[in-house]
Amino acid sequence: MKSLLCILFLCAVTVNTLQYTQDTETLRATFKEYSEATYYFMDTEGYAQEFQHIKKEVLDLYNLKDVNTYNDKTFTITYTTDTEEDEDGDDIYVSTITALKLIE
């Protein structure tokens, strides 16, 4: 009986872990501005890309809040996208920059 409970517990933990696995995506884009807690980039096809969060270690390397330093600089951006609920209860997508590489 204890063996069965242990197996069920391990299965439950594994299933919960798999649900929270995030896929990362990468794109090449040019930094345009930081405004109202959002980082704005323009990708190579001319589409605006918005990121609401940036990991602290990335921001320590590239302080994008200092717009003058990185304005119009091109980066390879690695990011994740999560679903959050807004104040109206609607699901919205929120992207977080997890890595940046300045392209010289």
C-alpha atoms as a PDB file:
ATOM      1  CA  MET A   1       0.000   0.000   0.000  1.00  0.00           C
ATOM      2  CA  LYS A   2       2.834   2.383   0.855  1.00  0.00           C
ATOM      3  CA  SER A   3       4.467   1.616  -2.481  1.00  0.00           C
ATOM      4  CA  LEU A   4       1.282   2.463  -4.327  1.00  0.00           C
ATOM      5  CA  LEU A   5       0.944   5.768  -2.461  1.00  0.00           C
ATOM      6  CA  CYS A   6       4.581   6.645  -3.224  1.00  0.00           C
ATOM      7  CA  ILE A   7       4.077   5.921  -6.919  1.00  0.00           C
ATOM      8  CA  LEU A   8       0.900   8.017  -7.033  1.00  0.00           C
ATOM      9  CA  PHE A   9       2.658  10.867  -5.234  1.00  0.00           C
ATOM     10  CA  LEU A  10       5.587  10.808  -7.667  1.00  0.00           C
ATOM     11  CA  CYS A  11       3.206  10.770 -10.632  1.00  0.00           C
ATOM     12  CA  ALA A  12       1.300  13.752  -9.247  1.00  0.00           C
ATOM     13  CA  VAL A  13       4.522  15.725  -8.681  1.00  0.00           C
ATOM     14  CA  THR A  14       5.737  14.924 -12.202  1.00  0.00           C
ATOM     15  CA  VAL A  15       2.448  16.002 -13.785  1.00  0.00           C
ATOM     16  CA  ASN A  16       2.468  19.301 -11.860  1.00  0.00           C
ATOM     17  CA  THR A  17       6.059  19.983 -12.866  1.00  0.00           C
ATOM     18  CA  LEU A  18       5.293  19.379 -16.536  1.00  0.00           C
ATOM     19  CA  GLN A  19       2.416  21.874 -16.463  1.00  0.00           C
ATOM     20  CA  TYR A  20       4.745  24.723 -15.504  1.00  0.00           C
ATOM     21  CA  THR A  21       7.429  24.082 -18.101  1.00  0.00           C
ATOM     22  CA  GLN A  22       7.800  27.147 -20.297  1.00  0.00           C
ATOM     23  CA  ASP A  23       9.036  27.291 -23.824  1.00  0.00           C
ATOM     24  CA  THR A  24      11.484  30.018 -24.674  1.00  0.00           C
ATOM     25  CA  GLU A  25      11.462  31.891 -27.939  1.00  0.00           C
ATOM     26  CA  THR A  26      14.176  33.925 -29.596  1.00  0.00           C
ATOM     27  CA  LEU A  27      14.016  36.866 -31.961  1.00  0.00           C
ATOM     28  CA  ARG A  28      16.239  39.581 -33.353  1.00  0.00           C
ATOM     29  CA  ALA A  29      14.916  43.092 -32.732  1.00  0.00           C
ATOM     30  CA  THR A  30      15.958  46.714 -32.283  1.00  0.00           C
ATOM     31  CA  PHE A  31      15.336  48.456 -28.962  1.00  0.00           C
ATOM     32  CA  LYS A  32      13.113  51.532 -29.325  1.00  0.00           C
ATOM     33  CA  GLU A  33      12.006  52.680 -25.882  1.00  0.00           C
ATOM     34  CA  TYR A  34      11.076  51.943 -22.294  1.00  0.00           C
ATOM     35  CA  SER A  35       7.775  53.500 -21.279  1.00  0.00           C
ATOM     36  CA  GLU A  36       5.174  52.780 -18.611  1.00  0.00           C
ATOM     37  CA  ALA A  37       6.920  49.585 -17.422  1.00  0.00           C
ATOM     38  CA  THR A  38       7.134  48.136 -20.949  1.00  0.00           C
ATOM     39  CA  TYR A  39      10.177  47.541 -23.145  1.00  0.00           C
ATOM     40  CA  TYR A  40       9.480  48.211 -26.831  1.00  0.00           C
ATOM     41  CA  PHE A  41      11.413  46.621 -29.694  1.00  0.00           C
ATOM     42  CA  MET A  42      10.955  46.510 -33.481  1.00  0.00           C
ATOM     43  CA  ASP A  43      11.625  43.144 -35.089  1.00  0.00           C
ATOM     44  CA  THR A  44      13.304  42.615 -38.474  1.00  0.00           C
ATOM     45  CA  GLU A  45       9.922  42.497 -40.237  1.00  0.00           C
ATOM     46  CA  GLY A  46       8.819  45.851 -38.806  1.00  0.00           C
ATOM     47  CA  TYR A  47       6.485  44.511 -36.113  1.00  0.00           C
ATOM     48  CA  ALA A  48       6.465  46.021 -32.632  1.00  0.00           C
ATOM     49  CA  GLN A  49       7.366  43.633 -29.825  1.00  0.00           C
ATOM     50  CA  GLU A  50       6.474  44.464 -26.213  1.00  0.00           C
ATOM     51  CA  PHE A  51       7.966  42.966 -23.072  1.00  0.00           C
ATOM     52  CA  GLN A  52       6.517  43.708 -19.652  1.00  0.00           C
ATOM     53  CA  HIS A  53       9.254  42.066 -17.588  1.00  0.00           C
ATOM     54  CA  ILE A  54      12.984  41.527 -17.720  1.00  0.00           C
ATOM     55  CA  LYS A  55      15.056  39.293 -15.471  1.00  0.00           C
ATOM     56  CA  LYS A  56      17.187  41.229 -13.012  1.00  0.00           C
ATOM     57  CA  GLU A  57      20.451  39.665 -14.172  1.00  0.00           C
ATOM     58  CA  VAL A  58      19.666  40.743 -17.756  1.00  0.00           C
ATOM     59  CA  LEU A  59      18.801  44.271 -16.661  1.00  0.00           C
ATOM     60  CA  ASP A  60      22.082  44.384 -14.712  1.00  0.00           C
ATOM     61  CA  LEU A  61      23.946  43.698 -17.984  1.00  0.00           C
ATOM     62  CA  TYR A  62      21.841  45.940 -20.226  1.00  0.00           C
ATOM     63  CA  ASN A  63      19.985  48.689 -18.383  1.00  0.00           C
ATOM     64  CA  LEU A  64      17.288  49.259 -20.985  1.00  0.00           C
ATOM     65  CA  LYS A  65      15.677  51.852 -18.744  1.00  0.00           C
ATOM     66  CA  ASP A  66      18.590  54.089 -19.824  1.00  0.00           C
ATOM     67  CA  VAL A  67      17.091  54.625 -23.283  1.00  0.00           C
ATOM     68  CA  ASN A  68      19.927  56.828 -24.561  1.00  0.00           C
ATOM     69  CA  THR A  69      22.521  54.059 -24.241  1.00  0.00           C
ATOM     70  CA  TYR A  70      20.640  51.325 -26.100  1.00  0.00           C
ATOM     71  CA  ASN A  71      18.190  53.205 -28.331  1.00  0.00           C
ATOM     72  CA  ASP A  72      18.277  51.764 -31.872  1.00  0.00           C
ATOM     73  CA  LYS A  73      20.658  48.958 -30.842  1.00  0.00           C
ATOM     74  CA  THR A  74      19.854  45.483 -32.126  1.00  0.00           C
ATOM     75  CA  PHE A  75      19.649  42.491 -29.800  1.00  0.00           C
ATOM     76  CA  THR A  76      18.996  38.796 -29.904  1.00  0.00           C
ATOM     77  CA  ILE A  77      16.191  38.419 -27.358  1.00  0.00           C
ATOM     78  CA  THR A  78      15.281  35.216 -25.565  1.00  0.00           C
ATOM     79  CA  TYR A  79      11.925  35.354 -23.797  1.00  0.00           C
ATOM     80  CA  THR A  80       9.037  33.444 -22.284  1.00  0.00           C
ATOM     81  CA  THR A  81       5.337  34.230 -22.479  1.00  0.00           C
ATOM     82  CA  ASP A  82       2.870  33.623 -19.648  1.00  0.00           C
ATOM     83  CA  THR A  83      -0.867  34.056 -19.420  1.00  0.00           C
ATOM     84  CA  GLU A  84      -2.094  36.374 -16.671  1.00  0.00           C
ATOM     85  CA  GLU A  85      -5.481  37.697 -15.735  1.00  0.00           C
ATOM     86  CA  ASP A  86      -6.107  41.439 -16.093  1.00  0.00           C
ATOM     87  CA  GLU A  87      -8.348  43.540 -13.821  1.00  0.00           C
ATOM     88  CA  ASP A  88     -11.401  42.576 -15.890  1.00  0.00           C
ATOM     89  CA  GLY A  89     -10.707  38.864 -15.494  1.00  0.00           C
ATOM     90  CA  ASP A  90      -9.573  38.456 -19.105  1.00  0.00           C
ATOM     91  CA  ASP A  91      -6.492  36.426 -19.990  1.00  0.00           C
ATOM     92  CA  ILE A  92      -3.597  38.454 -21.381  1.00  0.00           C
ATOM     93  CA  TYR A  93      -0.154  37.418 -22.575  1.00  0.00           C
ATOM     94  CA  VAL A  94       2.833  38.814 -20.690  1.00  0.00           C
ATOM     95  CA  SER A  95       6.347  38.343 -22.062  1.00  0.00           C
ATOM     96  CA  THR A  96       9.524  38.255 -19.958  1.00  0.00           C
ATOM     97  CA  ILE A  97      13.008  38.784 -21.368  1.00  0.00           C
ATOM     98  CA  THR A  98      15.227  36.009 -20.007  1.00  0.00           C
ATOM     99  CA  ALA A  99      18.397  36.757 -22.011  1.00  0.00           C
ATOM    100  CA  LEU A 100      19.780  39.492 -24.258  1.00  0.00           C
ATOM    101  CA  LYS A 101      22.769  39.616 -26.552  1.00  0.00           C
ATOM    102  CA  LEU A 102      23.824  42.895 -28.115  1.00  0.00           C
ATOM    103  CA  ILE A 103      24.553  42.489 -31.835  1.00  0.00           C
ATOM    104  CA  GLU A 104      27.493  44.664 -32.818  1.00  0.00           C
END
